[in-house]
């Protein structure tokens, strides 16, 4: 087996071990939560032998933004659960950089570009 074949085989084995460990961790977390319970939102800390176990309940919020915007008009402006976020349009920046270098040159000083994690996918042949 050449070096690359061994590396690929080792990576596949490591991912299998990682998936099994993750499944075991999740099952153990669920078992602990079943014993100590959890708040809908907020943290509870329990003394367990030499350990402190903290269970934190969380809720995720999502909304029909168009409906929420209309309904929130009935609330005082400082109590409307809406925020607007201005952020970089990465696809637009990528397009400018590739297709409109003169326009890109105008905005480039404000944009930081750095390498992201390189993806690796392995599939059986």
C-alpha atoms as a PDB file:
ATOM      1  CA  UNK A   1       0.000   0.000   0.000  1.00  0.00           C
ATOM      2  CA  UNK A   2       1.521   3.321  -0.984  1.00  0.00           C
ATOM      3  CA  UNK A   3       1.662   6.274   1.408  1.00  0.00           C
ATOM      4  CA  UNK A   4      -1.435   7.999  -0.018  1.00  0.00           C
ATOM      5  CA  UNK A   5      -3.508   4.809   0.131  1.00  0.00           C
ATOM      6  CA  UNK A   6      -2.489   4.340   3.766  1.00  0.00           C
ATOM      7  CA  UNK A   7      -3.331   7.959   4.599  1.00  0.00           C
ATOM      8  CA  UNK A   8      -6.777   7.594   3.005  1.00  0.00           C
ATOM      9  CA  UNK A   9      -7.431   4.291   4.803  1.00  0.00           C
ATOM     10  CA  UNK A  10      -6.268   5.782   8.121  1.00  0.00           C
ATOM     11  CA  UNK A  11      -8.528   8.814   7.616  1.00  0.00           C
ATOM     12  CA  UNK A  12     -11.546   6.600   6.914  1.00  0.00           C
ATOM     13  CA  UNK A  13     -10.772   4.544  10.033  1.00  0.00           C
ATOM     14  CA  UNK A  14     -10.350   7.707  12.134  1.00  0.00           C
ATOM     15  CA  UNK A  15     -13.692   9.079  10.900  1.00  0.00           C
ATOM     16  CA  UNK A  16     -15.367   5.802  11.842  1.00  0.00           C
ATOM     17  CA  UNK A  17     -13.878   5.951  15.357  1.00  0.00           C
ATOM     18  CA  UNK A  18     -14.858   9.625  15.601  1.00  0.00           C
ATOM     19  CA  UNK A  19     -18.478   8.876  14.569  1.00  0.00           C
ATOM     20  CA  UNK A  20     -18.737   6.071  17.124  1.00  0.00           C
ATOM     21  CA  UNK A  21     -17.286   8.286  19.860  1.00  0.00           C
ATOM     22  CA  UNK A  22     -19.689  11.090  18.950  1.00  0.00           C
ATOM     23  CA  UNK A  23     -22.685   8.741  19.070  1.00  0.00           C
ATOM     24  CA  UNK A  24     -21.563   7.433  22.467  1.00  0.00           C
ATOM     25  CA  UNK A  25     -21.019  10.978  23.795  1.00  0.00           C
ATOM     26  CA  UNK A  26     -24.481  12.069  22.687  1.00  0.00           C
ATOM     27  CA  UNK A  27     -26.100   8.999  24.252  1.00  0.00           C
ATOM     28  CA  UNK A  28     -24.279   9.671  27.541  1.00  0.00           C
ATOM     29  CA  UNK A  29     -25.279  13.356  27.500  1.00  0.00           C
ATOM     30  CA  UNK A  30     -28.911  12.376  26.932  1.00  0.00           C
ATOM     31  CA  UNK A  31     -28.752   9.842  29.784  1.00  0.00           C
ATOM     32  CA  UNK A  32     -27.315  12.448  32.190  1.00  0.00           C
ATOM     33  CA  UNK A  33     -29.988  14.972  31.169  1.00  0.00           C
ATOM     34  CA  UNK A  34     -32.672  12.331  31.711  1.00  0.00           C
ATOM     35  CA  UNK A  35     -31.409  11.883  35.290  1.00  0.00           C
ATOM     36  CA  UNK A  36     -30.834  15.527  36.313  1.00  0.00           C
ATOM     37  CA  UNK A  37     -33.433  17.210  34.098  1.00  0.00           C
ATOM     38  CA  UNK A  38     -33.117  20.468  32.193  1.00  0.00           C
ATOM     39  CA  UNK A  39     -34.761  23.868  32.242  1.00  0.00           C
ATOM     40  CA  UNK A  40     -36.436  25.054  29.063  1.00  0.00           C
ATOM     41  CA  UNK A  41     -34.010  27.984  29.095  1.00  0.00           C
ATOM     42  CA  UNK A  42     -31.177  28.588  31.512  1.00  0.00           C
ATOM     43  CA  UNK A  43     -28.516  26.633  33.330  1.00  0.00           C
ATOM     44  CA  UNK A  44     -28.592  24.260  36.293  1.00  0.00           C
ATOM     45  CA  UNK A  45     -25.412  23.063  37.983  1.00  0.00           C
ATOM     46  CA  UNK A  46     -25.214  19.813  39.946  1.00  0.00           C
ATOM     47  CA  UNK A  47     -22.444  18.504  42.187  1.00  0.00           C
ATOM     48  CA  UNK A  48     -21.629  14.955  41.118  1.00  0.00           C
ATOM     49  CA  UNK A  49     -18.755  13.502  43.137  1.00  0.00           C
ATOM     50  CA  UNK A  50     -15.627  15.372  42.079  1.00  0.00           C
ATOM     51  CA  UNK A  51     -17.441  17.041  39.162  1.00  0.00           C
ATOM     52  CA  UNK A  52     -19.774  19.953  38.577  1.00  0.00           C
ATOM     53  CA  UNK A  53     -22.278  19.118  35.858  1.00  0.00           C
ATOM     54  CA  UNK A  54     -24.022  22.071  34.201  1.00  0.00           C
ATOM     55  CA  UNK A  55     -27.049  21.477  32.007  1.00  0.00           C
ATOM     56  CA  UNK A  56     -28.086  24.453  29.872  1.00  0.00           C
ATOM     57  CA  UNK A  57     -31.447  24.549  28.147  1.00  0.00           C
ATOM     58  CA  UNK A  58     -31.798  26.689  25.048  1.00  0.00           C
ATOM     59  CA  UNK A  59     -34.576  27.660  22.669  1.00  0.00           C
ATOM     60  CA  UNK A  60     -34.068  28.561  19.016  1.00  0.00           C
ATOM     61  CA  UNK A  61     -36.150  31.362  17.577  1.00  0.00           C
ATOM     62  CA  UNK A  62     -37.085  31.864  13.945  1.00  0.00           C
ATOM     63  CA  UNK A  63     -39.775  33.967  12.330  1.00  0.00           C
ATOM     64  CA  UNK A  64     -41.786  34.762   9.268  1.00  0.00           C
ATOM     65  CA  UNK A  65     -39.987  38.088   8.874  1.00  0.00           C
ATOM     66  CA  UNK A  66     -42.641  39.722   6.703  1.00  0.00           C
ATOM     67  CA  UNK A  67     -45.378  38.865   9.217  1.00  0.00           C
ATOM     68  CA  UNK A  68     -43.206  39.772  12.201  1.00  0.00           C
ATOM     69  CA  UNK A  69     -42.339  43.134  10.648  1.00  0.00           C
ATOM     70  CA  UNK A  70     -46.028  43.941  10.196  1.00  0.00           C
ATOM     71  CA  UNK A  71     -47.001  42.786  13.688  1.00  0.00           C
ATOM     72  CA  UNK A  72     -44.067  44.500  15.386  1.00  0.00           C
ATOM     73  CA  UNK A  73     -45.305  47.861  14.112  1.00  0.00           C
ATOM     74  CA  UNK A  74     -47.787  47.662  17.017  1.00  0.00           C
ATOM     75  CA  UNK A  75     -44.908  47.680  19.541  1.00  0.00           C
ATOM     76  CA  UNK A  76     -42.787  50.599  20.671  1.00  0.00           C
ATOM     77  CA  UNK A  77     -39.719  50.905  18.435  1.00  0.00           C
ATOM     78  CA  UNK A  78     -37.337  49.948  21.259  1.00  0.00           C
ATOM     79  CA  UNK A  79     -39.234  46.691  21.930  1.00  0.00           C
ATOM     80  CA  UNK A  80     -39.465  45.303  18.435  1.00  0.00           C
ATOM     81  CA  UNK A  81     -37.642  41.969  18.253  1.00  0.00           C
ATOM     82  CA  UNK A  82     -36.128  42.779  14.890  1.00  0.00           C
ATOM     83  CA  UNK A  83     -32.629  43.810  13.921  1.00  0.00           C
ATOM     84  CA  UNK A  84     -31.107  44.604  10.594  1.00  0.00           C
ATOM     85  CA  UNK A  85     -27.627  43.371   9.903  1.00  0.00           C
ATOM     86  CA  UNK A  86     -25.351  44.832   7.273  1.00  0.00           C
ATOM     87  CA  UNK A  87     -22.686  42.378   6.255  1.00  0.00           C
ATOM     88  CA  UNK A  88     -20.353  41.526   3.422  1.00  0.00           C
ATOM     89  CA  UNK A  89     -21.958  39.783   0.453  1.00  0.00           C
ATOM     90  CA  UNK A  90     -19.242  37.157  -0.072  1.00  0.00           C
ATOM     91  CA  UNK A  91     -20.624  35.965  -3.396  1.00  0.00           C
ATOM     92  CA  UNK A  92     -20.793  39.542  -4.638  1.00  0.00           C
ATOM     93  CA  UNK A  93     -17.249  40.260  -3.459  1.00  0.00           C
ATOM     94  CA  UNK A  94     -16.004  37.077  -5.130  1.00  0.00           C
ATOM     95  CA  UNK A  95     -17.745  38.080  -8.356  1.00  0.00           C
ATOM     96  CA  UNK A  96     -16.287  41.609  -8.270  1.00  0.00           C
ATOM     97  CA  UNK A  97     -12.788  40.272  -7.623  1.00  0.00           C
ATOM     98  CA  UNK A  98     -13.016  37.892 -10.565  1.00  0.00           C
ATOM     99  CA  UNK A  99     -15.064  39.901 -13.071  1.00  0.00           C
ATOM    100  CA  UNK A 100     -14.648  43.613 -12.326  1.00  0.00           C
ATOM    101  CA  UNK A 101     -11.086  44.266 -11.148  1.00  0.00           C
ATOM    102  CA  UNK A 102     -11.376  48.065 -11.354  1.00  0.00           C
ATOM    103  CA  UNK A 103     -14.474  48.093  -9.160  1.00  0.00           C
ATOM    104  CA  UNK A 104     -12.889  45.473  -6.907  1.00  0.00           C
ATOM    105  CA  UNK A 105      -9.891  47.768  -6.430  1.00  0.00           C
ATOM    106  CA  UNK A 106     -12.191  50.405  -4.938  1.00  0.00           C
ATOM    107  CA  UNK A 107     -13.607  48.158  -2.187  1.00  0.00           C
ATOM    108  CA  UNK A 108     -10.671  45.766  -1.722  1.00  0.00           C
ATOM    109  CA  UNK A 109      -8.979  47.821   1.034  1.00  0.00           C
ATOM    110  CA  UNK A 110     -11.992  47.181   3.275  1.00  0.00           C
ATOM    111  CA  UNK A 111     -12.164  43.441   2.643  1.00  0.00           C
ATOM    112  CA  UNK A 112      -9.914  40.833   4.243  1.00  0.00           C
ATOM    113  CA  UNK A 113      -9.390  37.608   2.332  1.00  0.00           C
ATOM    114  CA  UNK A 114      -7.822  34.609   4.038  1.00  0.00           C
ATOM    115  CA  UNK A 115      -7.736  30.913   3.247  1.00  0.00           C
ATOM    116  CA  UNK A 116     -10.573  28.845   4.682  1.00  0.00           C
ATOM    117  CA  UNK A 117     -10.268  25.210   5.703  1.00  0.00           C
ATOM    118  CA  UNK A 118      -9.608  23.102   2.648  1.00  0.00           C
ATOM    119  CA  UNK A 119     -12.281  20.450   2.189  1.00  0.00           C
ATOM    120  CA  UNK A 120     -11.437  16.809   1.622  1.00  0.00           C
ATOM    121  CA  UNK A 121     -14.020  14.246   0.491  1.00  0.00           C
ATOM    122  CA  UNK A 122     -13.321  10.566   0.114  1.00  0.00           C
ATOM    123  CA  UNK A 123     -15.768   8.174  -1.526  1.00  0.00           C
ATOM    124  CA  UNK A 124     -15.350   4.534  -2.330  1.00  0.00           C
ATOM    125  CA  UNK A 125     -14.618   3.973  -6.021  1.00  0.00           C
END
